[in-house]
Amino acid sequence: MKVRMRALAGLLAAAVIAALPAISSDRILRTTLVLDAPVATVWALWTTEDGIKSWLSPGCRIEPRVDGAYEIWLNPAAPAGERGADGMRILAFEPSKRLAFTWNAPPSQPYVRAQRSVVDVRLAPEGDRKTRLVFTHGSWGDGPEWDAA
């Protein structure tokens, strides 16, 4: 199971990263993926510390509940506040269906980092063993700082 989860995690990371340049005119990043794994497996990749560490970052703190922490540390050795998505919170937590959380910009972009955007991940079964994942990243501001982010 761990080997299969690692393979799926790699595919998920590649698919989400490939979709990111698809910014629409309404300043929303959106992509839909069909993954070769059941909903429970995909849900665990997004909502557990082991899951996040398998495909997105080397460190994190996840408290799986509304208003729980959703911190993704791209540089866990950095000082607090500079590790990555420090201080982010879960906004919606509907097991095996929907996860929404706040997000921020890198420390190198302090103006935008002080703001928050919103990521929404929705899952639905696609047959017996596949999952449809809809990834939406919105609530972006306007202006050159936001364009750089």
Foldseek 3Di string as FASTA:
>chain_A
DVVVLLVQLQVVLVVQVVQQVPQDPQRKRKDKDKGQFFLLSVLCLQADQVNCCSHPAVGFDHDQDFFTGTGGFNQVVDPQPQRAFHPKGWHDHDPSFKTKIWHFDHPVLVVRRVDTKMWMWGWDDDPDGMIMIMIMIGPQDDDDSSVVD
